[in-house]
Amino acid sequence: LNFRTVPIVPMFDASMGALGLTGL
């Protein structure tokens, strides 16, 4: 099958910086 990798770390860090989420 066709395969690619898209890391979500940059998107996660940006969201955490904007929202300050914890836990679940």
PDBML (XML) file of the C-alpha atoms, coordinates in Angstrom:
<?xml version="1.0" encoding="UTF-8" ?>
<PDBx:datablock datablockName="MODEL"
   xmlns:PDBx="http://pdbml.pdb.org/schema/pdbx-v50.xsd"
   xmlns:xsi="http://www.w3.org/2001/XMLSchema-instance"
   xsi:schemaLocation="http://pdbml.pdb.org/schema/pdbx-v50.xsd pdbx-v50.xsd">
   <PDBx:atom_siteCategory>
      <PDBx:atom_site id="1">
         <PDBx:B_iso_or_equiv>0.00</PDBx:B_iso_or_equiv>
         <PDBx:Cartn_x>0.000</PDBx:Cartn_x>
         <PDBx:Cartn_y>0.000</PDBx:Cartn_y>
         <PDBx:Cartn_z>0.000</PDBx:Cartn_z>
         <PDBx:auth_asym_id>A</PDBx:auth_asym_id>
         <PDBx:auth_atom_id>CA</PDBx:auth_atom_id>
         <PDBx:auth_comp_id>LEU</PDBx:auth_comp_id>
         <PDBx:auth_seq_id>1</PDBx:auth_seq_id>
         <PDBx:group_PDB>ATOM</PDBx:group_PDB>
         <PDBx:label_alt_id xsi:nil="true" />
         <PDBx:label_asym_id>A</PDBx:label_asym_id>
         <PDBx:label_atom_id>CA</PDBx:label_atom_id>
         <PDBx:label_comp_id>LEU</PDBx:label_comp_id>
         <PDBx:label_entity_id>1</PDBx:label_entity_id>
         <PDBx:label_seq_id>1</PDBx:label_seq_id>
         <PDBx:occupancy>1.00</PDBx:occupancy>
         <PDBx:pdbx_PDB_model_num>1</PDBx:pdbx_PDB_model_num>
         <PDBx:type_symbol>C</PDBx:type_symbol>
      </PDBx:atom_site>
      <PDBx:atom_site id="2">
         <PDBx:B_iso_or_equiv>0.00</PDBx:B_iso_or_equiv>
         <PDBx:Cartn_x>0.952</PDBx:Cartn_x>
         <PDBx:Cartn_y>3.666</PDBx:Cartn_y>
         <PDBx:Cartn_z>-0.335</PDBx:Cartn_z>
         <PDBx:auth_asym_id>A</PDBx:auth_asym_id>
         <PDBx:auth_atom_id>CA</PDBx:auth_atom_id>
         <PDBx:auth_comp_id>ASN</PDBx:auth_comp_id>
         <PDBx:auth_seq_id>2</PDBx:auth_seq_id>
         <PDBx:group_PDB>ATOM</PDBx:group_PDB>
         <PDBx:label_alt_id xsi:nil="true" />
         <PDBx:label_asym_id>A</PDBx:label_asym_id>
         <PDBx:label_atom_id>CA</PDBx:label_atom_id>
         <PDBx:label_comp_id>ASN</PDBx:label_comp_id>
         <PDBx:label_entity_id>1</PDBx:label_entity_id>
         <PDBx:label_seq_id>2</PDBx:label_seq_id>
         <PDBx:occupancy>1.00</PDBx:occupancy>
         <PDBx:pdbx_PDB_model_num>1</PDBx:pdbx_PDB_model_num>
         <PDBx:type_symbol>C</PDBx:type_symbol>
      </PDBx:atom_site>
      <PDBx:atom_site id="3">
         <PDBx:B_iso_or_equiv>0.00</PDBx:B_iso_or_equiv>
         <PDBx:Cartn_x>2.625</PDBx:Cartn_x>
         <PDBx:Cartn_y>4.922</PDBx:Cartn_y>
         <PDBx:Cartn_z>2.841</PDBx:Cartn_z>
         <PDBx:auth_asym_id>A</PDBx:auth_asym_id>
         <PDBx:auth_atom_id>CA</PDBx:auth_atom_id>
         <PDBx:auth_comp_id>PHE</PDBx:auth_comp_id>
         <PDBx:auth_seq_id>3</PDBx:auth_seq_id>
         <PDBx:group_PDB>ATOM</PDBx:group_PDB>
         <PDBx:label_alt_id xsi:nil="true" />
         <PDBx:label_asym_id>A</PDBx:label_asym_id>
         <PDBx:label_atom_id>CA</PDBx:label_atom_id>
         <PDBx:label_comp_id>PHE</PDBx:label_comp_id>
         <PDBx:label_entity_id>1</PDBx:label_entity_id>
         <PDBx:label_seq_id>3</PDBx:label_seq_id>
         <PDBx:occupancy>1.00</PDBx:occupancy>
         <PDBx:pdbx_PDB_model_num>1</PDBx:pdbx_PDB_model_num>
         <PDBx:type_symbol>C</PDBx:type_symbol>
      </PDBx:atom_site>
      <PDBx:atom_site id="4">
         <PDBx:B_iso_or_equiv>0.00</PDBx:B_iso_or_equiv>
         <PDBx:Cartn_x>3.670</PDBx:Cartn_x>
         <PDBx:Cartn_y>8.241</PDBx:Cartn_y>
         <PDBx:Cartn_z>4.306</PDBx:Cartn_z>
         <PDBx:auth_asym_id>A</PDBx:auth_asym_id>
         <PDBx:auth_atom_id>CA</PDBx:auth_atom_id>
         <PDBx:auth_comp_id>ARG</PDBx:auth_comp_id>
         <PDBx:auth_seq_id>4</PDBx:auth_seq_id>
         <PDBx:group_PDB>ATOM</PDBx:group_PDB>
         <PDBx:label_alt_id xsi:nil="true" />
         <PDBx:label_asym_id>A</PDBx:label_asym_id>
         <PDBx:label_atom_id>CA</PDBx:label_atom_id>
         <PDBx:label_comp_id>ARG</PDBx:label_comp_id>
         <PDBx:label_entity_id>1</PDBx:label_entity_id>
         <PDBx:label_seq_id>4</PDBx:label_seq_id>
         <PDBx:occupancy>1.00</PDBx:occupancy>
         <PDBx:pdbx_PDB_model_num>1</PDBx:pdbx_PDB_model_num>
         <PDBx:type_symbol>C</PDBx:type_symbol>
      </PDBx:atom_site>
      <PDBx:atom_site id="5">
         <PDBx:B_iso_or_equiv>0.00</PDBx:B_iso_or_equiv>
         <PDBx:Cartn_x>4.592</PDBx:Cartn_x>
         <PDBx:Cartn_y>9.612</PDBx:Cartn_y>
         <PDBx:Cartn_z>7.714</PDBx:Cartn_z>
         <PDBx:auth_asym_id>A</PDBx:auth_asym_id>
         <PDBx:auth_atom_id>CA</PDBx:auth_atom_id>
         <PDBx:auth_comp_id>THR</PDBx:auth_comp_id>
         <PDBx:auth_seq_id>5</PDBx:auth_seq_id>
         <PDBx:group_PDB>ATOM</PDBx:group_PDB>
         <PDBx:label_alt_id xsi:nil="true" />
         <PDBx:label_asym_id>A</PDBx:label_asym_id>
         <PDBx:label_atom_id>CA</PDBx:label_atom_id>
         <PDBx:label_comp_id>THR</PDBx:label_comp_id>
         <PDBx:label_entity_id>1</PDBx:label_entity_id>
         <PDBx:label_seq_id>5</PDBx:label_seq_id>
         <PDBx:occupancy>1.00</PDBx:occupancy>
         <PDBx:pdbx_PDB_model_num>1</PDBx:pdbx_PDB_model_num>
         <PDBx:type_symbol>C</PDBx:type_symbol>
      </PDBx:atom_site>
      <PDBx:atom_site id="6">
         <PDBx:B_iso_or_equiv>0.00</PDBx:B_iso_or_equiv>
         <PDBx:Cartn_x>3.141</PDBx:Cartn_x>
         <PDBx:Cartn_y>12.872</PDBx:Cartn_y>
         <PDBx:Cartn_z>9.084</PDBx:Cartn_z>
         <PDBx:auth_asym_id>A</PDBx:auth_asym_id>
         <PDBx:auth_atom_id>CA</PDBx:auth_atom_id>
         <PDBx:auth_comp_id>VAL</PDBx:auth_comp_id>
         <PDBx:auth_seq_id>6</PDBx:auth_seq_id>
         <PDBx:group_PDB>ATOM</PDBx:group_PDB>
         <PDBx:label_alt_id xsi:nil="true" />
         <PDBx:label_asym_id>A</PDBx:label_asym_id>
         <PDBx:label_atom_id>CA</PDBx:label_atom_id>
         <PDBx:label_comp_id>VAL</PDBx:label_comp_id>
         <PDBx:label_entity_id>1</PDBx:label_entity_id>
         <PDBx:label_seq_id>6</PDBx:label_seq_id>
         <PDBx:occupancy>1.00</PDBx:occupancy>
         <PDBx:pdbx_PDB_model_num>1</PDBx:pdbx_PDB_model_num>
         <PDBx:type_symbol>C</PDBx:type_symbol>
      </PDBx:atom_site>
      <PDBx:atom_site id="7">
         <PDBx:B_iso_or_equiv>0.00</PDBx:B_iso_or_equiv>
         <PDBx:Cartn_x>4.441</PDBx:Cartn_x>
         <PDBx:Cartn_y>13.588</PDBx:Cartn_y>
         <PDBx:Cartn_z>12.605</PDBx:Cartn_z>
         <PDBx:auth_asym_id>A</PDBx:auth_asym_id>
         <PDBx:auth_atom_id>CA</PDBx:auth_atom_id>
         <PDBx:auth_comp_id>PRO</PDBx:auth_comp_id>
         <PDBx:auth_seq_id>7</PDBx:auth_seq_id>
         <PDBx:group_PDB>ATOM</PDBx:group_PDB>
         <PDBx:label_alt_id xsi:nil="true" />
         <PDBx:label_asym_id>A</PDBx:label_asym_id>
         <PDBx:label_atom_id>CA</PDBx:label_atom_id>
         <PDBx:label_comp_id>PRO</PDBx:label_comp_id>
         <PDBx:label_entity_id>1</PDBx:label_entity_id>
         <PDBx:label_seq_id>7</PDBx:label_seq_id>
         <PDBx:occupancy>1.00</PDBx:occupancy>
         <PDBx:pdbx_PDB_model_num>1</PDBx:pdbx_PDB_model_num>
         <PDBx:type_symbol>C</PDBx:type_symbol>
      </PDBx:atom_site>
      <PDBx:atom_site id="8">
         <PDBx:B_iso_or_equiv>0.00</PDBx:B_iso_or_equiv>
         <PDBx:Cartn_x>1.900</PDBx:Cartn_x>
         <PDBx:Cartn_y>15.384</PDBx:Cartn_y>
         <PDBx:Cartn_z>14.780</PDBx:Cartn_z>
         <PDBx:auth_asym_id>A</PDBx:auth_asym_id>
         <PDBx:auth_atom_id>CA</PDBx:auth_atom_id>
         <PDBx:auth_comp_id>ILE</PDBx:auth_comp_id>
         <PDBx:auth_seq_id>8</PDBx:auth_seq_id>
         <PDBx:group_PDB>ATOM</PDBx:group_PDB>
         <PDBx:label_alt_id xsi:nil="true" />
         <PDBx:label_asym_id>A</PDBx:label_asym_id>
         <PDBx:label_atom_id>CA</PDBx:label_atom_id>
         <PDBx:label_comp_id>ILE</PDBx:label_comp_id>
         <PDBx:label_entity_id>1</PDBx:label_entity_id>
         <PDBx:label_seq_id>8</PDBx:label_seq_id>
         <PDBx:occupancy>1.00</PDBx:occupancy>
         <PDBx:pdbx_PDB_model_num>1</PDBx:pdbx_PDB_model_num>
         <PDBx:type_symbol>C</PDBx:type_symbol>
      </PDBx:atom_site>
      <PDBx:atom_site id="9">
         <PDBx:B_iso_or_equiv>0.00</PDBx:B_iso_or_equiv>
         <PDBx:Cartn_x>4.455</PDBx:Cartn_x>
         <PDBx:Cartn_y>16.694</PDBx:Cartn_y>
         <PDBx:Cartn_z>17.309</PDBx:Cartn_z>
         <PDBx:auth_asym_id>A</PDBx:auth_asym_id>
         <PDBx:auth_atom_id>CA</PDBx:auth_atom_id>
         <PDBx:auth_comp_id>VAL</PDBx:auth_comp_id>
         <PDBx:auth_seq_id>9</PDBx:auth_seq_id>
         <PDBx:group_PDB>ATOM</PDBx:group_PDB>
         <PDBx:label_alt_id xsi:nil="true" />
         <PDBx:label_asym_id>A</PDBx:label_asym_id>
         <PDBx:label_atom_id>CA</PDBx:label_atom_id>
         <PDBx:label_comp_id>VAL</PDBx:label_comp_id>
         <PDBx:label_entity_id>1</PDBx:label_entity_id>
         <PDBx:label_seq_id>9</PDBx:label_seq_id>
         <PDBx:occupancy>1.00</PDBx:occupancy>
         <PDBx:pdbx_PDB_model_num>1</PDBx:pdbx_PDB_model_num>
         <PDBx:type_symbol>C</PDBx:type_symbol>
      </PDBx:atom_site>
      <PDBx:atom_site id="10">
         <PDBx:B_iso_or_equiv>0.00</PDBx:B_iso_or_equiv>
         <PDBx:Cartn_x>4.598</PDBx:Cartn_x>
         <PDBx:Cartn_y>20.255</PDBx:Cartn_y>
         <PDBx:Cartn_z>15.870</PDBx:Cartn_z>
         <PDBx:auth_asym_id>A</PDBx:auth_asym_id>
         <PDBx:auth_atom_id>CA</PDBx:auth_atom_id>
         <PDBx:auth_comp_id>PRO</PDBx:auth_comp_id>
         <PDBx:auth_seq_id>10</PDBx:auth_seq_id>
         <PDBx:group_PDB>ATOM</PDBx:group_PDB>
         <PDBx:label_alt_id xsi:nil="true" />
         <PDBx:label_asym_id>A</PDBx:label_asym_id>
         <PDBx:label_atom_id>CA</PDBx:label_atom_id>
         <PDBx:label_comp_id>PRO</PDBx:label_comp_id>
         <PDBx:label_entity_id>1</PDBx:label_entity_id>
         <PDBx:label_seq_id>10</PDBx:label_seq_id>
         <PDBx:occupancy>1.00</PDBx:occupancy>
         <PDBx:pdbx_PDB_model_num>1</PDBx:pdbx_PDB_model_num>
         <PDBx:type_symbol>C</PDBx:type_symbol>
      </PDBx:atom_site>
      <PDBx:atom_site id="11">
         <PDBx:B_iso_or_equiv>0.00</PDBx:B_iso_or_equiv>
         <PDBx:Cartn_x>0.786</PDBx:Cartn_x>
         <PDBx:Cartn_y>20.492</PDBx:Cartn_y>
         <PDBx:Cartn_z>15.775</PDBx:Cartn_z>
         <PDBx:auth_asym_id>A</PDBx:auth_asym_id>
         <PDBx:auth_atom_id>CA</PDBx:auth_atom_id>
         <PDBx:auth_comp_id>MET</PDBx:auth_comp_id>
         <PDBx:auth_seq_id>11</PDBx:auth_seq_id>
         <PDBx:group_PDB>ATOM</PDBx:group_PDB>
         <PDBx:label_alt_id xsi:nil="true" />
         <PDBx:label_asym_id>A</PDBx:label_asym_id>
         <PDBx:label_atom_id>CA</PDBx:label_atom_id>
         <PDBx:label_comp_id>MET</PDBx:label_comp_id>
         <PDBx:label_entity_id>1</PDBx:label_entity_id>
         <PDBx:label_seq_id>11</PDBx:label_seq_id>
         <PDBx:occupancy>1.00</PDBx:occupancy>
         <PDBx:pdbx_PDB_model_num>1</PDBx:pdbx_PDB_model_num>
         <PDBx:type_symbol>C</PDBx:type_symbol>
      </PDBx:atom_site>
      <PDBx:atom_site id="12">
         <PDBx:B_iso_or_equiv>0.00</PDBx:B_iso_or_equiv>
         <PDBx:Cartn_x>0.567</PDBx:Cartn_x>
         <PDBx:Cartn_y>19.040</PDBx:Cartn_y>
         <PDBx:Cartn_z>19.279</PDBx:Cartn_z>
         <PDBx:auth_asym_id>A</PDBx:auth_asym_id>
         <PDBx:auth_atom_id>CA</PDBx:auth_atom_id>
         <PDBx:auth_comp_id>PHE</PDBx:auth_comp_id>
         <PDBx:auth_seq_id>12</PDBx:auth_seq_id>
         <PDBx:group_PDB>ATOM</PDBx:group_PDB>
         <PDBx:label_alt_id xsi:nil="true" />
         <PDBx:label_asym_id>A</PDBx:label_asym_id>
         <PDBx:label_atom_id>CA</PDBx:label_atom_id>
         <PDBx:label_comp_id>PHE</PDBx:label_comp_id>
         <PDBx:label_entity_id>1</PDBx:label_entity_id>
         <PDBx:label_seq_id>12</PDBx:label_seq_id>
         <PDBx:occupancy>1.00</PDBx:occupancy>
         <PDBx:pdbx_PDB_model_num>1</PDBx:pdbx_PDB_model_num>
         <PDBx:type_symbol>C</PDBx:type_symbol>
      </PDBx:atom_site>
      <PDBx:atom_site id="13">
         <PDBx:B_iso_or_equiv>0.00</PDBx:B_iso_or_equiv>
         <PDBx:Cartn_x>3.089</PDBx:Cartn_x>
         <PDBx:Cartn_y>21.473</PDBx:Cartn_y>
         <PDBx:Cartn_z>20.711</PDBx:Cartn_z>
         <PDBx:auth_asym_id>A</PDBx:auth_asym_id>
         <PDBx:auth_atom_id>CA</PDBx:auth_atom_id>
         <PDBx:auth_comp_id>ASP</PDBx:auth_comp_id>
         <PDBx:auth_seq_id>13</PDBx:auth_seq_id>
         <PDBx:group_PDB>ATOM</PDBx:group_PDB>
         <PDBx:label_alt_id xsi:nil="true" />
         <PDBx:label_asym_id>A</PDBx:label_asym_id>
         <PDBx:label_atom_id>CA</PDBx:label_atom_id>
         <PDBx:label_comp_id>ASP</PDBx:label_comp_id>
         <PDBx:label_entity_id>1</PDBx:label_entity_id>
         <PDBx:label_seq_id>13</PDBx:label_seq_id>
         <PDBx:occupancy>1.00</PDBx:occupancy>
         <PDBx:pdbx_PDB_model_num>1</PDBx:pdbx_PDB_model_num>
         <PDBx:type_symbol>C</PDBx:type_symbol>
      </PDBx:atom_site>
      <PDBx:atom_site id="14">
         <PDBx:B_iso_or_equiv>0.00</PDBx:B_iso_or_equiv>
         <PDBx:Cartn_x>1.329</PDBx:Cartn_x>
         <PDBx:Cartn_y>24.435</PDBx:Cartn_y>
         <PDBx:Cartn_z>19.096</PDBx:Cartn_z>
         <PDBx:auth_asym_id>A</PDBx:auth_asym_id>
         <PDBx:auth_atom_id>CA</PDBx:auth_atom_id>
         <PDBx:auth_comp_id>ALA</PDBx:auth_comp_id>
         <PDBx:auth_seq_id>14</PDBx:auth_seq_id>
         <PDBx:group_PDB>ATOM</PDBx:group_PDB>
         <PDBx:label_alt_id xsi:nil="true" />
         <PDBx:label_asym_id>A</PDBx:label_asym_id>
         <PDBx:label_atom_id>CA</PDBx:label_atom_id>
         <PDBx:label_comp_id>ALA</PDBx:label_comp_id>
         <PDBx:label_entity_id>1</PDBx:label_entity_id>
         <PDBx:label_seq_id>14</PDBx:label_seq_id>
         <PDBx:occupancy>1.00</PDBx:occupancy>
         <PDBx:pdbx_PDB_model_num>1</PDBx:pdbx_PDB_model_num>
         <PDBx:type_symbol>C</PDBx:type_symbol>
      </PDBx:atom_site>
      <PDBx:atom_site id="15">
         <PDBx:B_iso_or_equiv>0.00</PDBx:B_iso_or_equiv>
         <PDBx:Cartn_x>-2.037</PDBx:Cartn_x>
         <PDBx:Cartn_y>23.330</PDBx:Cartn_y>
         <PDBx:Cartn_z>20.464</PDBx:Cartn_z>
         <PDBx:auth_asym_id>A</PDBx:auth_asym_id>
         <PDBx:auth_atom_id>CA</PDBx:auth_atom_id>
         <PDBx:auth_comp_id>SER</PDBx:auth_comp_id>
         <PDBx:auth_seq_id>15</PDBx:auth_seq_id>
         <PDBx:group_PDB>ATOM</PDBx:group_PDB>
         <PDBx:label_alt_id xsi:nil="true" />
         <PDBx:label_asym_id>A</PDBx:label_asym_id>
         <PDBx:label_atom_id>CA</PDBx:label_atom_id>
         <PDBx:label_comp_id>SER</PDBx:label_comp_id>
         <PDBx:label_entity_id>1</PDBx:label_entity_id>
         <PDBx:label_seq_id>15</PDBx:label_seq_id>
         <PDBx:occupancy>1.00</PDBx:occupancy>
         <PDBx:pdbx_PDB_model_num>1</PDBx:pdbx_PDB_model_num>
         <PDBx:type_symbol>C</PDBx:type_symbol>
      </PDBx:atom_site>
      <PDBx:atom_site id="16">
         <PDBx:B_iso_or_equiv>0.00</PDBx:B_iso_or_equiv>
         <PDBx:Cartn_x>-0.654</PDBx:Cartn_x>
         <PDBx:Cartn_y>22.688</PDBx:Cartn_y>
         <PDBx:Cartn_z>23.931</PDBx:Cartn_z>
         <PDBx:auth_asym_id>A</PDBx:auth_asym_id>
         <PDBx:auth_atom_id>CA</PDBx:auth_atom_id>
         <PDBx:auth_comp_id>MET</PDBx:auth_comp_id>
         <PDBx:auth_seq_id>16</PDBx:auth_seq_id>
         <PDBx:group_PDB>ATOM</PDBx:group_PDB>
         <PDBx:label_alt_id xsi:nil="true" />
         <PDBx:label_asym_id>A</PDBx:label_asym_id>
         <PDBx:label_atom_id>CA</PDBx:label_atom_id>
         <PDBx:label_comp_id>MET</PDBx:label_comp_id>
         <PDBx:label_entity_id>1</PDBx:label_entity_id>
         <PDBx:label_seq_id>16</PDBx:label_seq_id>
         <PDBx:occupancy>1.00</PDBx:occupancy>
         <PDBx:pdbx_PDB_model_num>1</PDBx:pdbx_PDB_model_num>
         <PDBx:type_symbol>C</PDBx:type_symbol>
      </PDBx:atom_site>
      <PDBx:atom_site id="17">
         <PDBx:B_iso_or_equiv>0.00</PDBx:B_iso_or_equiv>
         <PDBx:Cartn_x>0.955</PDBx:Cartn_x>
         <PDBx:Cartn_y>26.114</PDBx:Cartn_y>
         <PDBx:Cartn_z>23.918</PDBx:Cartn_z>
         <PDBx:auth_asym_id>A</PDBx:auth_asym_id>
         <PDBx:auth_atom_id>CA</PDBx:auth_atom_id>
         <PDBx:auth_comp_id>GLY</PDBx:auth_comp_id>
         <PDBx:auth_seq_id>17</PDBx:auth_seq_id>
         <PDBx:group_PDB>ATOM</PDBx:group_PDB>
         <PDBx:label_alt_id xsi:nil="true" />
         <PDBx:label_asym_id>A</PDBx:label_asym_id>
         <PDBx:label_atom_id>CA</PDBx:label_atom_id>
         <PDBx:label_comp_id>GLY</PDBx:label_comp_id>
         <PDBx:label_entity_id>1</PDBx:label_entity_id>
         <PDBx:label_seq_id>17</PDBx:label_seq_id>
         <PDBx:occupancy>1.00</PDBx:occupancy>
         <PDBx:pdbx_PDB_model_num>1</PDBx:pdbx_PDB_model_num>
         <PDBx:type_symbol>C</PDBx:type_symbol>
      </PDBx:atom_site>
      <PDBx:atom_site id="18">
         <PDBx:B_iso_or_equiv>0.00</PDBx:B_iso_or_equiv>
         <PDBx:Cartn_x>-2.336</PDBx:Cartn_x>
         <PDBx:Cartn_y>27.743</PDBx:Cartn_y>
         <PDBx:Cartn_z>22.993</PDBx:Cartn_z>
         <PDBx:auth_asym_id>A</PDBx:auth_asym_id>
         <PDBx:auth_atom_id>CA</PDBx:auth_atom_id>
         <PDBx:auth_comp_id>ALA</PDBx:auth_comp_id>
         <PDBx:auth_seq_id>18</PDBx:auth_seq_id>
         <PDBx:group_PDB>ATOM</PDBx:group_PDB>
         <PDBx:label_alt_id xsi:nil="true" />
         <PDBx:label_asym_id>A</PDBx:label_asym_id>
         <PDBx:label_atom_id>CA</PDBx:label_atom_id>
         <PDBx:label_comp_id>ALA</PDBx:label_comp_id>
         <PDBx:label_entity_id>1</PDBx:label_entity_id>
         <PDBx:label_seq_id>18</PDBx:label_seq_id>
         <PDBx:occupancy>1.00</PDBx:occupancy>
         <PDBx:pdbx_PDB_model_num>1</PDBx:pdbx_PDB_model_num>
         <PDBx:type_symbol>C</PDBx:type_symbol>
      </PDBx:atom_site>
      <PDBx:atom_site id="19">
         <PDBx:B_iso_or_equiv>0.00</PDBx:B_iso_or_equiv>
         <PDBx:Cartn_x>-4.620</PDBx:Cartn_x>
         <PDBx:Cartn_y>25.661</PDBx:Cartn_y>
         <PDBx:Cartn_z>25.235</PDBx:Cartn_z>
         <PDBx:auth_asym_id>A</PDBx:auth_asym_id>
         <PDBx:auth_atom_id>CA</PDBx:auth_atom_id>
         <PDBx:auth_comp_id>LEU</PDBx:auth_comp_id>
         <PDBx:auth_seq_id>19</PDBx:auth_seq_id>
         <PDBx:group_PDB>ATOM</PDBx:group_PDB>
         <PDBx:label_alt_id xsi:nil="true" />
         <PDBx:label_asym_id>A</PDBx:label_asym_id>
         <PDBx:label_atom_id>CA</PDBx:label_atom_id>
         <PDBx:label_comp_id>LEU</PDBx:label_comp_id>
         <PDBx:label_entity_id>1</PDBx:label_entity_id>
         <PDBx:label_seq_id>19</PDBx:label_seq_id>
         <PDBx:occupancy>1.00</PDBx:occupancy>
         <PDBx:pdbx_PDB_model_num>1</PDBx:pdbx_PDB_model_num>
         <PDBx:type_symbol>C</PDBx:type_symbol>
      </PDBx:atom_site>
      <PDBx:atom_site id="20">
         <PDBx:B_iso_or_equiv>0.00</PDBx:B_iso_or_equiv>
         <PDBx:Cartn_x>-2.498</PDBx:Cartn_x>
         <PDBx:Cartn_y>24.402</PDBx:Cartn_y>
         <PDBx:Cartn_z>28.125</PDBx:Cartn_z>
         <PDBx:auth_asym_id>A</PDBx:auth_asym_id>
         <PDBx:auth_atom_id>CA</PDBx:auth_atom_id>
         <PDBx:auth_comp_id>GLY</PDBx:auth_comp_id>
         <PDBx:auth_seq_id>20</PDBx:auth_seq_id>
         <PDBx:group_PDB>ATOM</PDBx:group_PDB>
         <PDBx:label_alt_id xsi:nil="true" />
         <PDBx:label_asym_id>A</PDBx:label_asym_id>
         <PDBx:label_atom_id>CA</PDBx:label_atom_id>
         <PDBx:label_comp_id>GLY</PDBx:label_comp_id>
         <PDBx:label_entity_id>1</PDBx:label_entity_id>
         <PDBx:label_seq_id>20</PDBx:label_seq_id>
         <PDBx:occupancy>1.00</PDBx:occupancy>
         <PDBx:pdbx_PDB_model_num>1</PDBx:pdbx_PDB_model_num>
         <PDBx:type_symbol>C</PDBx:type_symbol>
      </PDBx:atom_site>
      <PDBx:atom_site id="21">
         <PDBx:B_iso_or_equiv>0.00</PDBx:B_iso_or_equiv>
         <PDBx:Cartn_x>-4.254</PDBx:Cartn_x>
         <PDBx:Cartn_y>21.028</PDBx:Cartn_y>
         <PDBx:Cartn_z>28.301</PDBx:Cartn_z>
         <PDBx:auth_asym_id>A</PDBx:auth_asym_id>
         <PDBx:auth_atom_id>CA</PDBx:auth_atom_id>
         <PDBx:auth_comp_id>LEU</PDBx:auth_comp_id>
         <PDBx:auth_seq_id>21</PDBx:auth_seq_id>
         <PDBx:group_PDB>ATOM</PDBx:group_PDB>
         <PDBx:label_alt_id xsi:nil="true" />
         <PDBx:label_asym_id>A</PDBx:label_asym_id>
         <PDBx:label_atom_id>CA</PDBx:label_atom_id>
         <PDBx:label_comp_id>LEU</PDBx:label_comp_id>
         <PDBx:label_entity_id>1</PDBx:label_entity_id>
         <PDBx:label_seq_id>21</PDBx:label_seq_id>
         <PDBx:occupancy>1.00</PDBx:occupancy>
         <PDBx:pdbx_PDB_model_num>1</PDBx:pdbx_PDB_model_num>
         <PDBx:type_symbol>C</PDBx:type_symbol>
      </PDBx:atom_site>
      <PDBx:atom_site id="22">
         <PDBx:B_iso_or_equiv>0.00</PDBx:B_iso_or_equiv>
         <PDBx:Cartn_x>-3.573</PDBx:Cartn_x>
         <PDBx:Cartn_y>18.279</PDBx:Cartn_y>
         <PDBx:Cartn_z>30.836</PDBx:Cartn_z>
         <PDBx:auth_asym_id>A</PDBx:auth_asym_id>
         <PDBx:auth_atom_id>CA</PDBx:auth_atom_id>
         <PDBx:auth_comp_id>THR</PDBx:auth_comp_id>
         <PDBx:auth_seq_id>22</PDBx:auth_seq_id>
         <PDBx:group_PDB>ATOM</PDBx:group_PDB>
         <PDBx:label_alt_id xsi:nil="true" />
         <PDBx:label_asym_id>A</PDBx:label_asym_id>
         <PDBx:label_atom_id>CA</PDBx:label_atom_id>
         <PDBx:label_comp_id>THR</PDBx:label_comp_id>
         <PDBx:label_entity_id>1</PDBx:label_entity_id>
         <PDBx:label_seq_id>22</PDBx:label_seq_id>
         <PDBx:occupancy>1.00</PDBx:occupancy>
         <PDBx:pdbx_PDB_model_num>1</PDBx:pdbx_PDB_model_num>
         <PDBx:type_symbol>C</PDBx:type_symbol>
      </PDBx:atom_site>
      <PDBx:atom_site id="23">
         <PDBx:B_iso_or_equiv>0.00</PDBx:B_iso_or_equiv>
         <PDBx:Cartn_x>-4.658</PDBx:Cartn_x>
         <PDBx:Cartn_y>14.713</PDBx:Cartn_y>
         <PDBx:Cartn_z>31.575</PDBx:Cartn_z>
         <PDBx:auth_asym_id>A</PDBx:auth_asym_id>
         <PDBx:auth_atom_id>CA</PDBx:auth_atom_id>
         <PDBx:auth_comp_id>GLY</PDBx:auth_comp_id>
         <PDBx:auth_seq_id>23</PDBx:auth_seq_id>
         <PDBx:group_PDB>ATOM</PDBx:group_PDB>
         <PDBx:label_alt_id xsi:nil="true" />
         <PDBx:label_asym_id>A</PDBx:label_asym_id>
         <PDBx:label_atom_id>CA</PDBx:label_atom_id>
         <PDBx:label_comp_id>GLY</PDBx:label_comp_id>
         <PDBx:label_entity_id>1</PDBx:label_entity_id>
         <PDBx:label_seq_id>23</PDBx:label_seq_id>
         <PDBx:occupancy>1.00</PDBx:occupancy>
         <PDBx:pdbx_PDB_model_num>1</PDBx:pdbx_PDB_model_num>
         <PDBx:type_symbol>C</PDBx:type_symbol>
      </PDBx:atom_site>
      <PDBx:atom_site id="24">
         <PDBx:B_iso_or_equiv>0.00</PDBx:B_iso_or_equiv>
         <PDBx:Cartn_x>-7.301</PDBx:Cartn_x>
         <PDBx:Cartn_y>13.105</PDBx:Cartn_y>
         <PDBx:Cartn_z>29.378</PDBx:Cartn_z>
         <PDBx:auth_asym_id>A</PDBx:auth_asym_id>
         <PDBx:auth_atom_id>CA</PDBx:auth_atom_id>
         <PDBx:auth_comp_id>LEU</PDBx:auth_comp_id>
         <PDBx:auth_seq_id>24</PDBx:auth_seq_id>
         <PDBx:group_PDB>ATOM</PDBx:group_PDB>
         <PDBx:label_alt_id xsi:nil="true" />
         <PDBx:label_asym_id>A</PDBx:label_asym_id>
         <PDBx:label_atom_id>CA</PDBx:label_atom_id>
         <PDBx:label_comp_id>LEU</PDBx:label_comp_id>
         <PDBx:label_entity_id>1</PDBx:label_entity_id>
         <PDBx:label_seq_id>24</PDBx:label_seq_id>
         <PDBx:occupancy>1.00</PDBx:occupancy>
         <PDBx:pdbx_PDB_model_num>1</PDBx:pdbx_PDB_model_num>
         <PDBx:type_symbol>C</PDBx:type_symbol>
      </PDBx:atom_site>
   </PDBx:atom_siteCategory>
</PDBx:datablock>
